[in-house]
């Protein structure tokens, strides 16, 4: 989205669109589900579990990370990921507010 068009949308609208982009791809949903079931941070297990190539997983993780849904740490050459639970809670409130204020009185 161009810089000039950003002023047309609220921060909340932009945030919802960014999260919708993450959830719009089944591989990203699978990655989030897998990470959410782990006890701690994970590194290379994602490739084995999701079944996609490492570069593809990296691209999906970049989109998820950009949306703020992951925390990560560097350990040598490995990146270790875990969910940002606080961010998920914020998004839950945002989506709940969005859906609760949407009128269902049309047609």
N, C-alpha and C. Protein backbone atom coordinates (compact mmCIF):
# COMPACT_ATOMS: atom_id res chain seq x y z
N UNK A 1 0.85 -1.17 0.00
CA UNK A 1 0.00 0.00 0.00
C UNK A 1 0.89 1.23 0.00
N UNK A 2 0.64 2.14 -0.91
CA UNK A 2 1.45 3.35 -1.02
C UNK A 2 1.32 4.24 0.20
N UNK A 3 2.34 5.01 0.45
CA UNK A 3 2.36 5.90 1.62
C UNK A 3 1.20 6.88 1.58
N UNK A 4 0.85 7.37 0.40
CA UNK A 4 -0.22 8.35 0.32
C UNK A 4 -1.57 7.74 0.63
N UNK A 5 -1.74 6.46 0.40
CA UNK A 5 -3.02 5.79 0.65
C UNK A 5 -3.19 5.38 2.11
N UNK A 6 -2.10 5.32 2.86
CA UNK A 6 -2.17 4.90 4.26
C UNK A 6 -3.06 5.82 5.08
N UNK A 7 -3.12 7.09 4.72
CA UNK A 7 -3.91 8.03 5.50
C UNK A 7 -5.41 7.79 5.35
N UNK A 8 -5.80 6.97 4.39
CA UNK A 8 -7.21 6.67 4.19
C UNK A 8 -7.75 5.66 5.21
N UNK A 9 -6.85 4.98 5.90
CA UNK A 9 -7.25 3.89 6.78
C UNK A 9 -6.77 4.12 8.21
N UNK A 10 -7.56 3.64 9.14
CA UNK A 10 -7.18 3.76 10.54
C UNK A 10 -6.10 2.74 10.87
N UNK A 11 -5.44 2.95 11.98
CA UNK A 11 -4.43 2.01 12.46
C UNK A 11 -5.05 0.64 12.67
N UNK A 12 -6.27 0.61 13.21
CA UNK A 12 -6.95 -0.66 13.44
C UNK A 12 -7.24 -1.39 12.13
N UNK A 13 -7.66 -0.67 11.11
CA UNK A 13 -7.93 -1.29 9.81
C UNK A 13 -6.66 -1.88 9.20
N UNK A 14 -5.58 -1.17 9.32
CA UNK A 14 -4.30 -1.66 8.79
C UNK A 14 -3.86 -2.90 9.56
N UNK A 15 -4.02 -2.87 10.88
CA UNK A 15 -3.64 -4.00 11.71
C UNK A 15 -4.46 -5.25 11.37
N UNK A 16 -5.76 -5.08 11.23
CA UNK A 16 -6.62 -6.21 10.88
C UNK A 16 -6.22 -6.78 9.52
N UNK A 17 -5.91 -5.93 8.57
CA UNK A 17 -5.51 -6.38 7.23
C UNK A 17 -4.20 -7.16 7.29
N UNK A 18 -3.25 -6.71 8.11
CA UNK A 18 -1.97 -7.41 8.23
C UNK A 18 -2.15 -8.80 8.83
N UNK A 19 -3.00 -8.91 9.83
CA UNK A 19 -3.24 -10.21 10.45
C UNK A 19 -4.03 -11.11 9.50
N UNK A 20 -4.98 -10.52 8.78
CA UNK A 20 -5.74 -11.30 7.80
C UNK A 20 -4.80 -11.87 6.74
N UNK A 21 -3.78 -11.12 6.37
CA UNK A 21 -2.80 -11.61 5.40
C UNK A 21 -2.09 -12.84 5.94
N UNK A 22 -1.74 -12.81 7.20
CA UNK A 22 -1.08 -13.97 7.82
C UNK A 22 -2.01 -15.18 7.80
N UNK A 23 -3.26 -14.97 8.18
CA UNK A 23 -4.21 -16.08 8.30
C UNK A 23 -4.78 -16.52 6.96
N UNK A 24 -4.49 -15.79 5.89
CA UNK A 24 -5.05 -16.10 4.57
C UNK A 24 -4.31 -17.24 3.87
N UNK A 25 -3.20 -17.69 4.41
CA UNK A 25 -2.44 -18.76 3.77
C UNK A 25 -2.42 -19.98 4.69
N UNK A 26 -2.84 -21.14 4.18
CA UNK A 26 -2.91 -22.33 5.04
C UNK A 26 -1.55 -22.75 5.61
N UNK A 27 -0.47 -22.51 4.89
CA UNK A 27 0.85 -22.86 5.42
C UNK A 27 1.17 -22.02 6.65
N UNK A 28 0.79 -20.75 6.63
CA UNK A 28 1.05 -19.88 7.78
C UNK A 28 0.20 -20.31 8.98
N UNK A 29 -1.02 -20.70 8.70
CA UNK A 29 -1.88 -21.21 9.77
C UNK A 29 -1.27 -22.48 10.36
N UNK A 30 -0.79 -23.37 9.50
CA UNK A 30 -0.16 -24.61 9.97
C UNK A 30 1.08 -24.31 10.81
N UNK A 31 1.87 -23.35 10.38
CA UNK A 31 3.07 -22.96 11.13
C UNK A 31 2.68 -22.42 12.50
N UNK A 32 1.70 -21.53 12.54
CA UNK A 32 1.25 -20.97 13.82
C UNK A 32 0.69 -22.05 14.74
N UNK A 33 -0.09 -22.97 14.18
CA UNK A 33 -0.64 -24.05 14.99
C UNK A 33 0.47 -24.93 15.56
N UNK A 34 1.45 -25.24 14.73
CA UNK A 34 2.55 -26.08 15.20
C UNK A 34 3.33 -25.39 16.31
N UNK A 35 3.69 -24.14 16.08
CA UNK A 35 4.45 -23.40 17.09
C UNK A 35 3.65 -23.27 18.38
N UNK A 36 2.34 -23.06 18.27
CA UNK A 36 1.51 -22.86 19.47
C UNK A 36 1.43 -24.11 20.34
N UNK A 37 1.70 -25.26 19.78
CA UNK A 37 1.61 -26.52 20.55
C UNK A 37 2.93 -26.90 21.21
N UNK A 38 3.97 -26.13 20.98
CA UNK A 38 5.28 -26.46 21.53
C UNK A 38 5.45 -25.85 22.92
N UNK A 39 6.25 -26.53 23.72
CA UNK A 39 6.52 -26.07 25.08
C UNK A 39 7.46 -24.87 25.11
N UNK A 40 8.39 -24.83 24.19
CA UNK A 40 9.35 -23.74 24.15
C UNK A 40 9.62 -23.33 22.72
N UNK A 41 10.65 -22.55 22.54
CA UNK A 41 11.01 -22.11 21.20
C UNK A 41 11.45 -23.28 20.34
N UNK A 42 11.15 -23.19 19.06
CA UNK A 42 11.56 -24.24 18.14
C UNK A 42 12.41 -23.65 17.03
N UNK A 43 13.24 -24.49 16.43
CA UNK A 43 14.13 -24.01 15.39
C UNK A 43 13.83 -24.70 14.06
N UNK A 44 14.47 -25.79 13.82
CA UNK A 44 14.41 -26.45 12.53
C UNK A 44 13.23 -27.41 12.38
N UNK A 45 12.51 -27.65 13.43
CA UNK A 45 11.41 -28.62 13.39
C UNK A 45 10.29 -28.22 12.44
N UNK A 46 10.14 -26.96 12.15
CA UNK A 46 9.03 -26.47 11.33
C UNK A 46 9.07 -27.10 9.95
N UNK A 47 10.24 -27.18 9.36
CA UNK A 47 10.38 -27.73 8.02
C UNK A 47 9.90 -29.18 8.00
N UNK A 48 10.33 -29.96 8.98
CA UNK A 48 9.94 -31.37 9.03
C UNK A 48 8.45 -31.53 9.26
N UNK A 49 7.90 -30.69 10.11
CA UNK A 49 6.49 -30.83 10.49
C UNK A 49 5.53 -30.33 9.40
N UNK A 50 5.82 -29.19 8.80
CA UNK A 50 4.91 -28.59 7.82
C UNK A 50 5.11 -29.20 6.43
N UNK A 51 6.32 -29.67 6.15
CA UNK A 51 6.56 -30.36 4.89
C UNK A 51 6.87 -29.46 3.70
N UNK A 52 7.22 -28.22 3.95
CA UNK A 52 7.60 -27.31 2.87
C UNK A 52 9.11 -27.10 2.92
N UNK A 53 9.66 -26.60 1.84
CA UNK A 53 11.09 -26.34 1.76
C UNK A 53 11.50 -25.23 2.73
N UNK A 54 12.75 -25.27 3.17
CA UNK A 54 13.26 -24.28 4.11
C UNK A 54 13.08 -22.84 3.63
N UNK A 55 13.40 -22.52 2.36
CA UNK A 55 13.19 -21.14 1.92
C UNK A 55 11.73 -20.71 1.97
N UNK A 56 10.82 -21.63 1.67
CA UNK A 56 9.38 -21.32 1.72
C UNK A 56 8.95 -21.06 3.16
N UNK A 57 9.40 -21.91 4.07
CA UNK A 57 9.09 -21.71 5.49
C UNK A 57 9.64 -20.35 5.95
N UNK A 58 10.84 -20.02 5.54
CA UNK A 58 11.44 -18.74 5.94
C UNK A 58 10.62 -17.56 5.45
N UNK A 59 10.12 -17.65 4.23
CA UNK A 59 9.28 -16.56 3.70
C UNK A 59 8.00 -16.42 4.52
N UNK A 60 7.37 -17.54 4.85
CA UNK A 60 6.15 -17.49 5.65
C UNK A 60 6.44 -16.96 7.05
N UNK A 61 7.54 -17.39 7.65
CA UNK A 61 7.90 -16.90 8.98
C UNK A 61 8.16 -15.40 8.97
N UNK A 62 8.70 -14.90 7.89
CA UNK A 62 8.95 -13.46 7.78
C UNK A 62 7.64 -12.68 7.80
N UNK A 63 6.62 -13.17 7.10
CA UNK A 63 5.31 -12.50 7.09
C UNK A 63 4.68 -12.56 8.49
N UNK A 64 4.77 -13.72 9.12
CA UNK A 64 4.20 -13.89 10.46
C UNK A 64 4.94 -13.00 11.46
N UNK A 65 6.25 -12.97 11.35
CA UNK A 65 7.05 -12.14 12.26
C UNK A 65 6.77 -10.67 12.05
N UNK A 66 6.60 -10.24 10.80
CA UNK A 66 6.31 -8.83 10.50
C UNK A 66 5.01 -8.39 11.16
N UNK A 67 4.05 -9.30 11.25
CA UNK A 67 2.77 -9.00 11.89
C UNK A 67 2.88 -9.01 13.42
N UNK A 68 4.05 -9.36 13.94
CA UNK A 68 4.26 -9.31 15.38
C UNK A 68 3.76 -10.52 16.15
N UNK A 69 3.50 -11.62 15.46
CA UNK A 69 2.93 -12.78 16.13
C UNK A 69 3.98 -13.72 16.70
N UNK A 70 5.24 -13.51 16.36
CA UNK A 70 6.31 -14.39 16.83
C UNK A 70 7.37 -13.60 17.58
N UNK A 71 7.97 -14.28 18.52
CA UNK A 71 9.18 -13.80 19.15
C UNK A 71 10.27 -14.75 18.68
N UNK A 72 11.47 -14.26 18.56
CA UNK A 72 12.55 -15.13 18.13
C UNK A 72 13.85 -14.78 18.80
N UNK A 73 14.71 -15.79 18.88
CA UNK A 73 16.05 -15.58 19.42
C UNK A 73 17.05 -16.22 18.47
N UNK A 74 18.23 -15.66 18.42
CA UNK A 74 19.30 -16.21 17.61
C UNK A 74 20.16 -17.11 18.49
N UNK A 75 20.38 -18.31 18.04
CA UNK A 75 21.29 -19.22 18.73
C UNK A 75 22.23 -19.78 17.67
N UNK A 76 23.41 -19.20 17.57
CA UNK A 76 24.33 -19.59 16.51
C UNK A 76 23.74 -19.21 15.17
N UNK A 77 23.59 -20.18 14.28
CA UNK A 77 23.01 -19.93 12.97
C UNK A 77 21.49 -20.18 12.97
N UNK A 78 20.96 -20.65 14.06
CA UNK A 78 19.53 -20.98 14.12
C UNK A 78 18.70 -19.84 14.69
N UNK A 79 17.52 -19.71 14.15
CA UNK A 79 16.51 -18.84 14.73
C UNK A 79 15.53 -19.72 15.48
N UNK A 80 15.21 -19.34 16.68
CA UNK A 80 14.23 -20.10 17.45
C UNK A 80 13.00 -19.22 17.63
N UNK A 81 11.83 -19.82 17.41
CA UNK A 81 10.58 -19.07 17.41
C UNK A 81 9.64 -19.57 18.50
N UNK A 82 8.87 -18.62 19.03
CA UNK A 82 7.73 -18.95 19.88
C UNK A 82 6.68 -17.86 19.65
N UNK A 83 5.47 -18.15 20.03
CA UNK A 83 4.39 -17.19 19.83
C UNK A 83 4.51 -16.03 20.81
N UNK A 84 4.12 -14.86 20.36
CA UNK A 84 4.02 -13.70 21.23
C UNK A 84 2.60 -13.69 21.78
N UNK A 85 2.43 -14.31 22.93
CA UNK A 85 1.10 -14.50 23.52
C UNK A 85 0.43 -13.16 23.81
N UNK A 86 1.18 -12.19 24.26
CA UNK A 86 0.59 -10.87 24.54
C UNK A 86 0.01 -10.26 23.27
N UNK A 87 0.74 -10.41 22.16
CA UNK A 87 0.26 -9.88 20.88
C UNK A 87 -1.02 -10.61 20.44
N UNK A 88 -1.07 -11.92 20.66
CA UNK A 88 -2.27 -12.68 20.32
C UNK A 88 -3.47 -12.19 21.13
N UNK A 89 -3.26 -11.87 22.40
CA UNK A 89 -4.34 -11.36 23.23
C UNK A 89 -4.83 -10.00 22.74
N UNK A 90 -3.89 -9.14 22.33
CA UNK A 90 -4.27 -7.84 21.77
C UNK A 90 -5.12 -8.03 20.51
N UNK A 91 -4.69 -8.94 19.66
CA UNK A 91 -5.41 -9.18 18.41
C UNK A 91 -6.79 -9.79 18.66
N UNK A 92 -6.88 -10.61 19.66
CA UNK A 92 -8.18 -11.19 20.01
C UNK A 92 -9.16 -10.07 20.37
N UNK A 93 -8.70 -9.09 21.14
CA UNK A 93 -9.55 -7.95 21.49
C UNK A 93 -9.91 -7.14 20.25
N UNK A 94 -8.95 -6.93 19.37
CA UNK A 94 -9.19 -6.17 18.14
C UNK A 94 -10.24 -6.85 17.27
N UNK A 95 -10.08 -8.16 17.07
CA UNK A 95 -11.04 -8.89 16.23
C UNK A 95 -12.40 -8.99 16.90
N UNK A 96 -12.43 -9.18 18.21
CA UNK A 96 -13.71 -9.23 18.91
C UNK A 96 -14.45 -7.91 18.76
N UNK A 97 -13.74 -6.81 18.93
CA UNK A 97 -14.35 -5.50 18.77
C UNK A 97 -14.84 -5.30 17.35
N UNK A 98 -14.04 -5.70 16.38
CA UNK A 98 -14.41 -5.58 14.96
C UNK A 98 -15.69 -6.34 14.65
N UNK A 99 -15.76 -7.59 15.07
CA UNK A 99 -16.93 -8.41 14.77
C UNK A 99 -18.15 -8.01 15.58
N UNK A 100 -17.93 -7.54 16.79
CA UNK A 100 -19.07 -7.12 17.61
C UNK A 100 -19.69 -5.81 17.17
N UNK A 101 -18.94 -4.99 16.45
CA UNK A 101 -19.49 -3.71 16.00
C UNK A 101 -19.97 -3.76 14.56
N UNK A 102 -19.81 -4.90 13.92
CA UNK A 102 -20.27 -5.05 12.55
C UNK A 102 -21.78 -5.31 12.56
N UNK A 103 -22.51 -4.52 11.82
CA UNK A 103 -23.95 -4.65 11.79
C UNK A 103 -24.36 -5.86 10.94
N UNK A 104 -25.31 -6.61 11.45
CA UNK A 104 -25.83 -7.77 10.73
C UNK A 104 -27.23 -7.50 10.22
N UNK A 105 -27.57 -6.23 10.04
CA UNK A 105 -28.95 -5.90 9.71
C UNK A 105 -29.16 -5.64 8.22
N UNK A 106 -28.24 -6.03 7.38
CA UNK A 106 -28.47 -5.81 5.95
C UNK A 106 -29.18 -7.02 5.34
N UNK A 107 -29.72 -6.84 4.18
CA UNK A 107 -30.46 -7.87 3.42
C UNK A 107 -30.89 -8.99 4.30
